[in-house]
């Protein structure tokens, strides 16, 4: 029993907050993932079906800062939303729980605008 609990804990996803936008003609997209351990990763997919490219990066914000914005927006109570031709989303994983809110590009829900702006991808 103890071994099963340890294995389950080891397999639990790390706490993270991800902003991602993609779709359209190519199906590609990109975004930013902030992990609770302080790391940040730029995400890029050149086209649908291509592997997701993950590159460690620096971010102008932290997981804790964005988590506070999502809590203020009552993120876990927001409706999942619908995909569109070009879809953006914020996904929050913590403690084995996950919730995603998505919307058509350019139509960020008002409650999520501060968090979405905080998750801007770093300039290259």
PDB file of N, CA and C in Angstrom:
ATOM      1  N   UNK A   1       0.825  -1.193   0.000  1.00  0.00           N
ATOM      2  CA  UNK A   1       0.000   0.000   0.000  1.00  0.00           C
ATOM      3  C   UNK A   1       0.872   1.260   0.000  1.00  0.00           C
ATOM      4  N   UNK A   2       1.904   1.285   0.824  1.00  0.00           N
ATOM      5  CA  UNK A   2       2.792   2.448   0.879  1.00  0.00           C
ATOM      6  C   UNK A   2       3.473   2.661  -0.469  1.00  0.00           C
ATOM      7  N   UNK A   3       3.894   1.566  -1.111  1.00  0.00           N
ATOM      8  CA  UNK A   3       4.531   1.678  -2.418  1.00  0.00           C
ATOM      9  C   UNK A   3       3.565   2.283  -3.433  1.00  0.00           C
ATOM     10  N   UNK A   4       2.311   1.895  -3.413  1.00  0.00           N
ATOM     11  CA  UNK A   4       1.309   2.440  -4.333  1.00  0.00           C
ATOM     12  C   UNK A   4       1.125   3.940  -4.106  1.00  0.00           C
ATOM     13  N   UNK A   5       1.099   4.371  -2.851  1.00  0.00           N
ATOM     14  CA  UNK A   5       0.969   5.786  -2.544  1.00  0.00           C
ATOM     15  C   UNK A   5       2.179   6.574  -3.022  1.00  0.00           C
ATOM     16  N   UNK A   6       3.361   6.023  -2.826  1.00  0.00           N
ATOM     17  CA  UNK A   6       4.577   6.698  -3.269  1.00  0.00           C
ATOM     18  C   UNK A   6       4.622   6.811  -4.787  1.00  0.00           C
ATOM     19  N   UNK A   7       4.227   5.749  -5.477  1.00  0.00           N
ATOM     20  CA  UNK A   7       4.215   5.785  -6.938  1.00  0.00           C
ATOM     21  C   UNK A   7       3.191   6.787  -7.451  1.00  0.00           C
ATOM     22  N   UNK A   8       2.033   6.836  -6.820  1.00  0.00           N
ATOM     23  CA  UNK A   8       1.000   7.787  -7.229  1.00  0.00           C
ATOM     24  C   UNK A   8       1.486   9.220  -7.027  1.00  0.00           C
ATOM     25  N   UNK A   9       2.160   9.482  -5.926  1.00  0.00           N
ATOM     26  CA  UNK A   9       2.680  10.822  -5.661  1.00  0.00           C
ATOM     27  C   UNK A   9       3.751  11.191  -6.682  1.00  0.00           C
ATOM     28  N   UNK A  10       4.584  10.233  -7.061  1.00  0.00           N
ATOM     29  CA  UNK A  10       5.649  10.499  -8.024  1.00  0.00           C
ATOM     30  C   UNK A  10       5.083  10.784  -9.411  1.00  0.00           C
ATOM     31  N   UNK A  11       3.913  10.213  -9.746  1.00  0.00           N
ATOM     32  CA  UNK A  11       3.327  10.390 -11.059  1.00  0.00           C
ATOM     33  C   UNK A  11       2.436  11.626 -11.151  1.00  0.00           C
ATOM     34  N   UNK A  12       2.123  12.234 -10.030  1.00  0.00           N
ATOM     35  CA  UNK A  12       1.247  13.400 -10.045  1.00  0.00           C
ATOM     36  C   UNK A  12       1.904  14.520 -10.837  1.00  0.00           C
ATOM     37  N   UNK A  13       1.133  15.206 -11.699  1.00  0.00           N
ATOM     38  CA  UNK A  13       1.735  16.286 -12.478  1.00  0.00           C
ATOM     39  C   UNK A  13       2.200  17.415 -11.573  1.00  0.00           C
ATOM     40  N   UNK A  14       3.265  18.066 -12.002  1.00  0.00           N
ATOM     41  CA  UNK A  14       3.781  19.206 -11.238  1.00  0.00           C
ATOM     42  C   UNK A  14       2.800  20.364 -11.348  1.00  0.00           C
ATOM     43  N   UNK A  15       2.746  21.184 -10.321  1.00  0.00           N
ATOM     44  CA  UNK A  15       1.881  22.356 -10.350  1.00  0.00           C
ATOM     45  C   UNK A  15       2.405  23.326 -11.408  1.00  0.00           C
ATOM     46  N   UNK A  16       1.501  23.770 -12.277  1.00  0.00           N
ATOM     47  CA  UNK A  16       1.896  24.675 -13.357  1.00  0.00           C
ATOM     48  C   UNK A  16       0.701  25.492 -13.828  1.00  0.00           C
ATOM     49  N   UNK A  17       1.011  26.605 -14.481  1.00  0.00           N
ATOM     50  CA  UNK A  17       0.018  27.446 -15.134  1.00  0.00           C
ATOM     51  C   UNK A  17       0.510  27.661 -16.561  1.00  0.00           C
ATOM     52  N   UNK A  18      -0.359  27.368 -17.534  1.00  0.00           N
ATOM     53  CA  UNK A  18       0.033  27.451 -18.935  1.00  0.00           C
ATOM     54  C   UNK A  18      -0.910  28.349 -19.717  1.00  0.00           C
ATOM     55  N   UNK A  19      -0.327  29.245 -20.476  1.00  0.00           N
ATOM     56  CA  UNK A  19      -1.062  30.053 -21.466  1.00  0.00           C
ATOM     57  C   UNK A  19      -0.677  29.485 -22.823  1.00  0.00           C
ATOM     58  N   UNK A  20      -1.675  29.214 -23.678  1.00  0.00           N
ATOM     59  CA  UNK A  20      -1.388  28.663 -24.996  1.00  0.00           C
ATOM     60  C   UNK A  20      -2.414  29.181 -25.991  1.00  0.00           C
ATOM     61  N   UNK A  21      -1.962  29.566 -27.180  1.00  0.00           N
ATOM     62  CA  UNK A  21      -2.838  29.962 -28.276  1.00  0.00           C
ATOM     63  C   UNK A  21      -2.406  29.190 -29.512  1.00  0.00           C
ATOM     64  N   UNK A  22      -3.381  28.687 -30.264  1.00  0.00           N
ATOM     65  CA  UNK A  22      -3.037  27.946 -31.462  1.00  0.00           C
ATOM     66  C   UNK A  22      -4.243  27.637 -32.310  1.00  0.00           C
ATOM     67  N   UNK A  23      -3.967  27.035 -33.458  1.00  0.00           N
ATOM     68  CA  UNK A  23      -5.021  26.646 -34.389  1.00  0.00           C
ATOM     69  C   UNK A  23      -4.814  27.320 -35.725  1.00  0.00           C
ATOM     70  N   UNK A  24      -5.932  27.685 -36.352  1.00  0.00           N
ATOM     71  CA  UNK A  24      -5.859  28.354 -37.642  1.00  0.00           C
ATOM     72  C   UNK A  24      -5.447  27.413 -38.750  1.00  0.00           C
ATOM     73  N   UNK A  25      -4.941  27.972 -39.835  1.00  0.00           N
ATOM     74  CA  UNK A  25      -4.617  27.205 -41.034  1.00  0.00           C
ATOM     75  C   UNK A  25      -3.548  26.142 -40.783  1.00  0.00           C
ATOM     76  N   UNK A  26      -2.567  26.437 -39.945  1.00  0.00           N
ATOM     77  CA  UNK A  26      -1.469  25.485 -39.737  1.00  0.00           C
ATOM     78  C   UNK A  26      -1.688  24.569 -38.541  1.00  0.00           C
ATOM     79  N   UNK A  27      -2.529  25.005 -37.615  1.00  0.00           N
ATOM     80  CA  UNK A  27      -2.720  24.219 -36.397  1.00  0.00           C
ATOM     81  C   UNK A  27      -1.610  24.412 -35.389  1.00  0.00           C
ATOM     82  N   UNK A  28      -0.651  25.257 -35.723  1.00  0.00           N
ATOM     83  CA  UNK A  28       0.457  25.510 -34.808  1.00  0.00           C
ATOM     84  C   UNK A  28       0.068  26.505 -33.735  1.00  0.00           C
ATOM     85  N   UNK A  29       1.007  26.756 -32.827  1.00  0.00           N
ATOM     86  CA  UNK A  29       0.738  27.716 -31.770  1.00  0.00           C
ATOM     87  C   UNK A  29       1.900  27.821 -30.817  1.00  0.00           C
ATOM     88  N   UNK A  30       1.641  28.512 -29.726  1.00  0.00           N
ATOM     89  CA  UNK A  30       2.692  28.671 -28.738  1.00  0.00           C
ATOM     90  C   UNK A  30       2.156  29.252 -27.452  1.00  0.00           C
ATOM     91  N   UNK A  31       3.023  29.258 -26.468  1.00  0.00           N
ATOM     92  CA  UNK A  31       2.619  29.778 -25.181  1.00  0.00           C
ATOM     93  C   UNK A  31       3.747  29.762 -24.173  1.00  0.00           C
ATOM     94  N   UNK A  32       3.349  29.825 -22.931  1.00  0.00           N
ATOM     95  CA  UNK A  32       4.285  29.891 -21.822  1.00  0.00           C
ATOM     96  C   UNK A  32       3.750  29.064 -20.662  1.00  0.00           C
ATOM     97  N   UNK A  33       4.620  28.261 -20.058  1.00  0.00           N
ATOM     98  CA  UNK A  33       4.252  27.500 -18.857  1.00  0.00           C
ATOM     99  C   UNK A  33       5.130  27.964 -17.707  1.00  0.00           C
ATOM    100  N   UNK A  34       4.478  28.304 -16.598  1.00  0.00           N
ATOM    101  CA  UNK A  34       5.180  28.628 -15.357  1.00  0.00           C
ATOM    102  C   UNK A  34       4.982  27.474 -14.398  1.00  0.00           C
ATOM    103  N   UNK A  35       6.068  26.985 -13.832  1.00  0.00           N
ATOM    104  CA  UNK A  35       5.991  25.899 -12.866  1.00  0.00           C
ATOM    105  C   UNK A  35       6.160  26.442 -11.458  1.00  0.00           C
ATOM    106  N   UNK A  36       5.541  25.765 -10.514  1.00  0.00           N
ATOM    107  CA  UNK A  36       5.583  26.211  -9.120  1.00  0.00           C
ATOM    108  C   UNK A  36       7.007  26.251  -8.575  1.00  0.00           C
ATOM    109  N   UNK A  37       7.913  25.489  -9.173  1.00  0.00           N
ATOM    110  CA  UNK A  37       9.300  25.485  -8.707  1.00  0.00           C
ATOM    111  C   UNK A  37      10.078  26.714  -9.162  1.00  0.00           C
ATOM    112  N   UNK A  38       9.417  27.625  -9.905  1.00  0.00           N
ATOM    113  CA  UNK A  38      10.071  28.854 -10.347  1.00  0.00           C
ATOM    114  C   UNK A  38      10.555  28.824 -11.778  1.00  0.00           C
ATOM    115  N   UNK A  39      10.473  27.694 -12.438  1.00  0.00           N
ATOM    116  CA  UNK A  39      10.945  27.626 -13.817  1.00  0.00           C
ATOM    117  C   UNK A  39       9.863  28.092 -14.787  1.00  0.00           C
ATOM    118  N   UNK A  40      10.313  28.539 -15.957  1.00  0.00           N
ATOM    119  CA  UNK A  40       9.423  28.981 -17.027  1.00  0.00           C
ATOM    120  C   UNK A  40       9.862  28.301 -18.315  1.00  0.00           C
ATOM    121  N   UNK A  41       8.878  27.965 -19.155  1.00  0.00           N
ATOM    122  CA  UNK A  41       9.162  27.264 -20.400  1.00  0.00           C
ATOM    123  C   UNK A  41       8.333  27.873 -21.519  1.00  0.00           C
ATOM    124  N   UNK A  42       9.011  28.225 -22.630  1.00  0.00           N
ATOM    125  CA  UNK A  42       8.317  28.665 -23.827  1.00  0.00           C
ATOM    126  C   UNK A  42       7.886  27.417 -24.583  1.00  0.00           C
ATOM    127  N   UNK A  43       6.642  27.426 -25.062  1.00  0.00           N
ATOM    128  CA  UNK A  43       6.084  26.295 -25.793  1.00  0.00           C
ATOM    129  C   UNK A  43       5.820  26.717 -27.238  1.00  0.00           C
ATOM    130  N   UNK A  44       6.212  25.893 -28.194  1.00  0.00           N
ATOM    131  CA  UNK A  44       5.971  26.194 -29.608  1.00  0.00           C
ATOM    132  C   UNK A  44       5.655  24.898 -30.349  1.00  0.00           C
ATOM    133  N   UNK A  45       4.656  24.980 -31.220  1.00  0.00           N
ATOM    134  CA  UNK A  45       4.321  23.874 -32.121  1.00  0.00           C
ATOM    135  C   UNK A  45       4.154  24.514 -33.502  1.00  0.00           C
ATOM    136  N   UNK A  46       5.031  24.185 -34.463  1.00  0.00           N
ATOM    137  CA  UNK A  46       4.974  24.859 -35.759  1.00  0.00           C
ATOM    138  C   UNK A  46       3.716  24.552 -36.573  1.00  0.00           C
ATOM    139  N   UNK A  47       3.142  23.367 -36.387  1.00  0.00           N
ATOM    140  CA  UNK A  47       1.937  22.976 -37.122  1.00  0.00           C
ATOM    141  C   UNK A  47       1.261  21.827 -36.384  1.00  0.00           C
ATOM    142  N   UNK A  48       0.024  21.583 -36.722  1.00  0.00           N
ATOM    143  CA  UNK A  48      -0.719  20.477 -36.096  1.00  0.00           C
ATOM    144  C   UNK A  48       0.039  19.165 -36.300  1.00  0.00           C
ATOM    145  N   UNK A  49       0.109  18.373 -35.269  1.00  0.00           N
ATOM    146  CA  UNK A  49       0.777  17.079 -35.340  1.00  0.00           C
ATOM    147  C   UNK A  49       2.280  17.131 -35.106  1.00  0.00           C
ATOM    148  N   UNK A  50       2.872  18.311 -35.178  1.00  0.00           N
ATOM    149  CA  UNK A  50       4.315  18.444 -34.922  1.00  0.00           C
ATOM    150  C   UNK A  50       4.563  18.313 -33.422  1.00  0.00           C
ATOM    151  N   UNK A  51       5.754  17.863 -33.055  1.00  0.00           N
ATOM    152  CA  UNK A  51       6.065  17.786 -31.626  1.00  0.00           C
ATOM    153  C   UNK A  51       6.058  19.173 -30.977  1.00  0.00           C
ATOM    154  N   UNK A  52       5.685  19.212 -29.728  1.00  0.00           N
ATOM    155  CA  UNK A  52       5.725  20.450 -28.955  1.00  0.00           C
ATOM    156  C   UNK A  52       7.171  20.718 -28.564  1.00  0.00           C
ATOM    157  N   UNK A  53       7.681  21.882 -28.957  1.00  0.00           N
ATOM    158  CA  UNK A  53       9.046  22.276 -28.615  1.00  0.00           C
ATOM    159  C   UNK A  53       8.980  23.062 -27.311  1.00  0.00           C
ATOM    160  N   UNK A  54       9.759  22.636 -26.327  1.00  0.00           N
ATOM    161  CA  UNK A  54       9.774  23.271 -25.015  1.00  0.00           C
ATOM    162  C   UNK A  54      11.176  23.798 -24.732  1.00  0.00           C
ATOM    163  N   UNK A  55      11.263  25.106 -24.504  1.00  0.00           N
ATOM    164  CA  UNK A  55      12.557  25.741 -24.292  1.00  0.00           C
ATOM    165  C   UNK A  55      12.535  26.494 -22.962  1.00  0.00           C
ATOM    166  N   UNK A  56      13.444  26.169 -22.039  1.00  0.00           N
ATOM    167  CA  UNK A  56      13.515  26.934 -20.786  1.00  0.00           C
ATOM    168  C   UNK A  56      13.746  28.407 -21.109  1.00  0.00           C
ATOM    169  N   UNK A  57      13.106  29.276 -20.339  1.00  0.00           N
ATOM    170  CA  UNK A  57      13.192  30.709 -20.604  1.00  0.00           C
ATOM    171  C   UNK A  57      13.108  31.481 -19.299  1.00  0.00           C
ATOM    172  N   UNK A  58      13.266  32.770 -19.390  1.00  0.00           N
ATOM    173  CA  UNK A  58      13.049  33.679 -18.263  1.00  0.00           C
ATOM    174  C   UNK A  58      11.660  34.281 -18.445  1.00  0.00           C
ATOM    175  N   UNK A  59      10.992  34.567 -17.348  1.00  0.00           N
ATOM    176  CA  UNK A  59       9.670  35.180 -17.424  1.00  0.00           C
ATOM    177  C   UNK A  59       9.639  36.422 -16.555  1.00  0.00           C
ATOM    178  N   UNK A  60       8.799  37.369 -16.935  1.00  0.00           N
ATOM    179  CA  UNK A  60       8.660  38.598 -16.160  1.00  0.00           C
ATOM    180  C   UNK A  60       7.728  38.440 -14.978  1.00  0.00           C
ATOM    181  N   UNK A  61       7.191  37.253 -14.791  1.00  0.00           N
ATOM    182  CA  UNK A  61       6.266  36.995 -13.691  1.00  0.00           C
ATOM    183  C   UNK A  61       6.549  35.624 -13.093  1.00  0.00           C
ATOM    184  N   UNK A  62       5.899  35.326 -11.991  1.00  0.00           N
ATOM    185  CA  UNK A  62       6.111  34.037 -11.332  1.00  0.00           C
ATOM    186  C   UNK A  62       4.808  33.261 -11.234  1.00  0.00           C
ATOM    187  N   UNK A  63       4.943  31.981 -10.991  1.00  0.00           N
ATOM    188  CA  UNK A  63       3.786  31.113 -10.764  1.00  0.00           C
ATOM    189  C   UNK A  63       2.912  31.696  -9.650  1.00  0.00           C
ATOM    190  N   UNK A  64       3.524  32.098  -8.551  1.00  0.00           N
ATOM    191  CA  UNK A  64       2.762  32.603  -7.400  1.00  0.00           C
ATOM    192  C   UNK A  64       1.973  33.862  -7.765  1.00  0.00           C
ATOM    193  N   UNK A  65       2.585  34.763  -8.551  1.00  0.00           N
ATOM    194  CA  UNK A  65       1.884  35.988  -8.949  1.00  0.00           C
ATOM    195  C   UNK A  65       0.665  35.665  -9.815  1.00  0.00           C
ATOM    196  N   UNK A  66       0.836  34.776 -10.773  1.00  0.00           N
ATOM    197  CA  UNK A  66      -0.278  34.427 -11.655  1.00  0.00           C
ATOM    198  C   UNK A  66      -1.331  33.618 -10.887  1.00  0.00           C
ATOM    199  N   UNK A  67      -0.893  32.753  -9.979  1.00  0.00           N
ATOM    200  CA  UNK A  67      -1.850  31.993  -9.160  1.00  0.00           C
ATOM    201  C   UNK A  67      -2.741  32.945  -8.364  1.00  0.00           C
ATOM    202  N   UNK A  68      -2.172  34.012  -7.823  1.00  0.00           N
ATOM    203  CA  UNK A  68      -2.977  35.000  -7.088  1.00  0.00           C
ATOM    204  C   UNK A  68      -4.005  35.664  -8.011  1.00  0.00           C
ATOM    205  N   UNK A  69      -3.601  35.978  -9.239  1.00  0.00           N
ATOM    206  CA  UNK A  69      -4.539  36.584 -10.193  1.00  0.00           C
ATOM    207  C   UNK A  69      -5.659  35.608 -10.552  1.00  0.00           C
ATOM    208  N   UNK A  70      -5.318  34.331 -10.715  1.00  0.00           N
ATOM    209  CA  UNK A  70      -6.339  33.337 -11.043  1.00  0.00           C
ATOM    210  C   UNK A  70      -7.287  33.103  -9.868  1.00  0.00           C
ATOM    211  N   UNK A  71      -6.748  33.105  -8.664  1.00  0.00           N
ATOM    212  CA  UNK A  71      -7.619  32.967  -7.490  1.00  0.00           C
ATOM    213  C   UNK A  71      -8.568  34.160  -7.387  1.00  0.00           C
ATOM    214  N   UNK A  72      -8.069  35.362  -7.649  1.00  0.00           N
ATOM    215  CA  UNK A  72      -8.920  36.553  -7.602  1.00  0.00           C
ATOM    216  C   UNK A  72     -10.022  36.486  -8.656  1.00  0.00           C
ATOM    217  N   UNK A  73      -9.727  35.836  -9.795  1.00  0.00           N
ATOM    218  CA  UNK A  73     -10.708  35.684 -10.874  1.00  0.00           C
ATOM    219  C   UNK A  73     -11.654  34.509 -10.624  1.00  0.00           C
ATOM    220  N   UNK A  74     -11.424  33.779  -9.527  1.00  0.00           N
ATOM    221  CA  UNK A  74     -12.216  32.574  -9.218  1.00  0.00           C
ATOM    222  C   UNK A  74     -12.152  31.590 -10.385  1.00  0.00           C
ATOM    223  N   UNK A  75     -10.928  31.375 -10.842  1.00  0.00           N
ATOM    224  CA  UNK A  75     -10.653  30.583 -12.035  1.00  0.00           C
ATOM    225  C   UNK A  75     -11.354  29.229 -12.027  1.00  0.00           C
ATOM    226  N   UNK A  76     -11.296  28.545 -10.906  1.00  0.00           N
ATOM    227  CA  UNK A  76     -11.862  27.193 -10.853  1.00  0.00           C
ATOM    228  C   UNK A  76     -13.368  27.174 -11.071  1.00  0.00           C
ATOM    229  N   UNK A  77     -14.019  28.325 -10.958  1.00  0.00           N
ATOM    230  CA  UNK A  77     -15.471  28.400 -11.160  1.00  0.00           C
ATOM    231  C   UNK A  77     -15.853  28.885 -12.564  1.00  0.00           C
ATOM    232  N   UNK A  78     -14.859  29.295 -13.346  1.00  0.00           N
ATOM    233  CA  UNK A  78     -15.145  29.771 -14.694  1.00  0.00           C
ATOM    234  C   UNK A  78     -15.458  28.589 -15.613  1.00  0.00           C
ATOM    235  N   UNK A  79     -16.385  28.807 -16.535  1.00  0.00           N
ATOM    236  CA  UNK A  79     -16.753  27.771 -17.494  1.00  0.00           C
ATOM    237  C   UNK A  79     -15.577  27.447 -18.400  1.00  0.00           C
ATOM    238  N   UNK A  80     -15.512  26.205 -18.834  1.00  0.00           N
ATOM    239  CA  UNK A  80     -14.425  25.734 -19.684  1.00  0.00           C
ATOM    240  C   UNK A  80     -14.337  26.517 -20.994  1.00  0.00           C
ATOM    241  N   UNK A  81     -15.458  26.923 -21.558  1.00  0.00           N
ATOM    242  CA  UNK A  81     -15.452  27.663 -22.814  1.00  0.00           C
ATOM    243  C   UNK A  81     -15.404  26.737 -24.011  1.00  0.00           C
ATOM    244  N   UNK A  82     -15.395  27.338 -25.179  1.00  0.00           N
ATOM    245  CA  UNK A  82     -15.438  26.597 -26.435  1.00  0.00           C
ATOM    246  C   UNK A  82     -14.225  26.902 -27.292  1.00  0.00           C
ATOM    247  N   UNK A  83     -13.759  25.908 -28.050  1.00  0.00           N
ATOM    248  CA  UNK A  83     -12.671  26.171 -28.991  1.00  0.00           C
ATOM    249  C   UNK A  83     -13.202  26.949 -30.198  1.00  0.00           C
ATOM    250  N   UNK A  84     -12.309  27.565 -30.913  1.00  0.00           N
ATOM    251  CA  UNK A  84     -12.661  28.255 -32.148  1.00  0.00           C
ATOM    252  C   UNK A  84     -11.560  27.976 -33.165  1.00  0.00           C
ATOM    253  N   UNK A  85     -11.595  28.652 -34.295  1.00  0.00           N
ATOM    254  CA  UNK A  85     -10.559  28.448 -35.299  1.00  0.00           C
ATOM    255  C   UNK A  85      -9.174  28.708 -34.705  1.00  0.00           C
ATOM    256  N   UNK A  86      -9.024  29.815 -34.013  1.00  0.00           N
ATOM    257  CA  UNK A  86      -7.803  30.116 -33.257  1.00  0.00           C
ATOM    258  C   UNK A  86      -8.241  30.194 -31.794  1.00  0.00           C
ATOM    259  N   UNK A  87      -7.708  29.319 -30.985  1.00  0.00           N
ATOM    260  CA  UNK A  87      -8.141  29.211 -29.599  1.00  0.00           C
ATOM    261  C   UNK A  87      -7.003  29.531 -28.653  1.00  0.00           C
ATOM    262  N   UNK A  88      -7.308  30.290 -27.612  1.00  0.00           N
ATOM    263  CA  UNK A  88      -6.365  30.554 -26.528  1.00  0.00           C
ATOM    264  C   UNK A  88      -6.918  29.910 -25.266  1.00  0.00           C
ATOM    265  N   UNK A  89      -6.028  29.609 -24.344  1.00  0.00           N
ATOM    266  CA  UNK A  89      -6.469  28.997 -23.090  1.00  0.00           C
ATOM    267  C   UNK A  89      -5.479  29.293 -21.977  1.00  0.00           C
ATOM    268  N   UNK A  90      -5.986  29.152 -20.770  1.00  0.00           N
ATOM    269  CA  UNK A  90      -5.144  29.090 -19.579  1.00  0.00           C
ATOM    270  C   UNK A  90      -5.511  27.787 -18.887  1.00  0.00           C
ATOM    271  N   UNK A  91      -4.488  27.009 -18.552  1.00  0.00           N
ATOM    272  CA  UNK A  91      -4.675  25.749 -17.840  1.00  0.00           C
ATOM    273  C   UNK A  91      -3.904  25.839 -16.531  1.00  0.00           C
ATOM    274  N   UNK A  92      -4.566  25.473 -15.445  1.00  0.00           N
ATOM    275  CA  UNK A  92      -3.921  25.488 -14.123  1.00  0.00           C
ATOM    276  C   UNK A  92      -3.965  24.085 -13.552  1.00  0.00           C
ATOM    277  N   UNK A  93      -2.779  23.540 -13.280  1.00  0.00           N
ATOM    278  CA  UNK A  93      -2.656  22.238 -12.639  1.00  0.00           C
ATOM    279  C   UNK A  93      -2.055  22.446 -11.263  1.00  0.00           C
ATOM    280  N   UNK A  94      -2.715  21.886 -10.267  1.00  0.00           N
ATOM    281  CA  UNK A  94      -2.146  21.957  -8.910  1.00  0.00           C
ATOM    282  C   UNK A  94      -2.728  20.841  -8.065  1.00  0.00           C
ATOM    283  N   UNK A  95      -1.856  20.219  -7.306  1.00  0.00           N
ATOM    284  CA  UNK A  95      -2.275  19.161  -6.388  1.00  0.00           C
ATOM    285  C   UNK A  95      -3.071  18.054  -7.041  1.00  0.00           C
ATOM    286  N   UNK A  96      -2.749  17.693  -8.287  1.00  0.00           N
ATOM    287  CA  UNK A  96      -3.470  16.647  -8.982  1.00  0.00           C
ATOM    288  C   UNK A  96      -4.778  17.114  -9.614  1.00  0.00           C
ATOM    289  N   UNK A  97      -5.144  18.384  -9.432  1.00  0.00           N
ATOM    290  CA  UNK A  97      -6.358  18.971  -9.994  1.00  0.00           C
ATOM    291  C   UNK A  97      -5.961  19.790 -11.215  1.00  0.00           C
ATOM    292  N   UNK A  98      -6.833  19.846 -12.211  1.00  0.00           N
ATOM    293  CA  UNK A  98      -6.558  20.639 -13.399  1.00  0.00           C
ATOM    294  C   UNK A  98      -7.850  21.267 -13.898  1.00  0.00           C
ATOM    295  N   UNK A  99      -7.742  22.521 -14.347  1.00  0.00           N
ATOM    296  CA  UNK A  99      -8.891  23.207 -14.956  1.00  0.00           C
ATOM    297  C   UNK A  99      -8.361  24.056 -16.099  1.00  0.00           C
ATOM    298  N   UNK A 100      -9.124  24.094 -17.173  1.00  0.00           N
ATOM    299  CA  UNK A 100      -8.754  24.889 -18.336  1.00  0.00           C
ATOM    300  C   UNK A 100      -9.935  25.763 -18.737  1.00  0.00           C
ATOM    301  N   UNK A 101      -9.617  27.004 -19.114  1.00  0.00           N
ATOM    302  CA  UNK A 101     -10.610  27.912 -19.682  1.00  0.00           C
ATOM    303  C   UNK A 101     -10.069  28.318 -21.049  1.00  0.00           C
ATOM    304  N   UNK A 102     -10.929  28.239 -22.078  1.00  0.00           N
ATOM    305  CA  UNK A 102     -10.492  28.555 -23.444  1.00  0.00           C
ATOM    306  C   UNK A 102     -11.486  29.487 -24.118  1.00  0.00           C
ATOM    307  N   UNK A 103     -10.995  30.193 -25.151  1.00  0.00           N
ATOM    308  CA  UNK A 103     -11.804  31.181 -25.851  1.00  0.00           C
ATOM    309  C   UNK A 103     -11.189  31.449 -27.211  1.00  0.00           C
ATOM    310  N   UNK A 104     -11.957  32.080 -28.090  1.00  0.00           N
ATOM    311  CA  UNK A 104     -11.446  32.477 -29.398  1.00  0.00           C
ATOM    312  C   UNK A 104     -10.426  33.592 -29.242  1.00  0.00           C
ATOM    313  N   UNK A 105      -9.392  33.550 -30.067  1.00  0.00           N
ATOM    314  CA  UNK A 105      -8.315  34.535 -29.982  1.00  0.00           C
ATOM    315  C   UNK A 105      -8.895  35.952 -30.047  1.00  0.00           C
ATOM    316  N   UNK A 106      -8.367  36.828 -29.203  1.00  0.00           N
ATOM    317  CA  UNK A 106      -8.812  38.207 -29.137  1.00  0.00           C
ATOM    318  C   UNK A 106     -10.027  38.425 -28.249  1.00  0.00           C
ATOM    319  N   UNK A 107     -10.545  37.350 -27.633  1.00  0.00           N
ATOM    320  CA  UNK A 107     -11.733  37.480 -26.784  1.00  0.00           C
ATOM    321  C   UNK A 107     -11.460  36.950 -25.379  1.00  0.00           C
ATOM    322  N   UNK A 108     -10.406  37.435 -24.771  1.00  0.00           N
ATOM    323  CA  UNK A 108     -10.038  37.005 -23.417  1.00  0.00           C
ATOM    324  C   UNK A 108     -11.174  37.368 -22.456  1.00  0.00           C
ATOM    325  N   UNK A 109     -11.664  36.410 -21.671  1.00  0.00           N
ATOM    326  CA  UNK A 109     -12.688  36.761 -20.676  1.00  0.00           C
ATOM    327  C   UNK A 109     -12.164  37.867 -19.757  1.00  0.00           C
ATOM    328  N   UNK A 110     -13.025  38.813 -19.421  1.00  0.00           N
ATOM    329  CA  UNK A 110     -12.621  39.975 -18.625  1.00  0.00           C
ATOM    330  C   UNK A 110     -11.921  39.564 -17.331  1.00  0.00           C
ATOM    331  N   UNK A 111     -12.426  38.552 -16.657  1.00  0.00           N
ATOM    332  CA  UNK A 111     -11.839  38.123 -15.384  1.00  0.00           C
ATOM    333  C   UNK A 111     -10.413  37.597 -15.550  1.00  0.00           C
ATOM    334  N   UNK A 112     -10.075  37.123 -16.765  1.00  0.00           N
ATOM    335  CA  UNK A 112      -8.751  36.528 -16.981  1.00  0.00           C
ATOM    336  C   UNK A 112      -7.755  37.460 -17.656  1.00  0.00           C
ATOM    337  N   UNK A 113      -8.166  38.658 -18.007  1.00  0.00           N
ATOM    338  CA  UNK A 113      -7.251  39.564 -18.702  1.00  0.00           C
ATOM    339  C   UNK A 113      -5.977  39.862 -17.915  1.00  0.00           C
ATOM    340  N   UNK A 114      -6.037  40.130 -16.600  1.00  0.00           N
ATOM    341  CA  UNK A 114      -4.777  40.371 -15.878  1.00  0.00           C
ATOM    342  C   UNK A 114      -3.831  39.158 -15.906  1.00  0.00           C
ATOM    343  N   UNK A 115      -4.360  37.964 -15.718  1.00  0.00           N
ATOM    344  CA  UNK A 115      -3.513  36.764 -15.736  1.00  0.00           C
ATOM    345  C   UNK A 115      -2.971  36.510 -17.138  1.00  0.00           C
ATOM    346  N   UNK A 116      -3.796  36.698 -18.157  1.00  0.00           N
ATOM    347  CA  UNK A 116      -3.363  36.479 -19.535  1.00  0.00           C
ATOM    348  C   UNK A 116      -2.225  37.427 -19.895  1.00  0.00           C
ATOM    349  N   UNK A 117      -2.359  38.695 -19.502  1.00  0.00           N
ATOM    350  CA  UNK A 117      -1.284  39.673 -19.757  1.00  0.00           C
ATOM    351  C   UNK A 117      -0.010  39.288 -18.996  1.00  0.00           C
ATOM    352  N   UNK A 118      -0.162  38.829 -17.766  1.00  0.00           N
ATOM    353  CA  UNK A 118       1.008  38.440 -16.965  1.00  0.00           C
ATOM    354  C   UNK A 118       1.743  37.257 -17.583  1.00  0.00           C
ATOM    355  N   UNK A 119       1.027  36.455 -18.358  1.00  0.00           N
ATOM    356  CA  UNK A 119       1.616  35.270 -18.989  1.00  0.00           C
ATOM    357  C   UNK A 119       2.121  35.547 -20.396  1.00  0.00           C
ATOM    358  N   UNK A 120       2.354  36.801 -20.731  1.00  0.00           N
ATOM    359  CA  UNK A 120       2.900  37.129 -22.047  1.00  0.00           C
ATOM    360  C   UNK A 120       4.199  36.371 -22.236  1.00  0.00           C
ATOM    361  N   UNK A 121       4.411  35.889 -23.438  1.00  0.00           N
ATOM    362  CA  UNK A 121       5.657  35.188 -23.734  1.00  0.00           C
ATOM    363  C   UNK A 121       6.808  36.188 -23.722  1.00  0.00           C
ATOM    364  N   UNK A 122       7.950  35.780 -23.210  1.00  0.00           N
ATOM    365  CA  UNK A 122       9.111  36.676 -23.181  1.00  0.00           C
ATOM    366  C   UNK A 122       9.512  37.113 -24.593  1.00  0.00           C
ATOM    367  N   UNK A 123       9.993  38.324 -24.721  1.00  0.00           N
ATOM    368  CA  UNK A 123      10.476  38.817 -26.015  1.00  0.00           C
ATOM    369  C   UNK A 123      11.735  38.057 -26.404  1.00  0.00           C
ATOM    370  N   UNK A 124      11.891  37.817 -27.662  1.00  0.00           N
ATOM    371  CA  UNK A 124      13.076  37.087 -28.150  1.00  0.00           C
ATOM    372  C   UNK A 124      14.104  38.045 -28.672  1.00  0.00           C
TER     373      UNK A 124
END
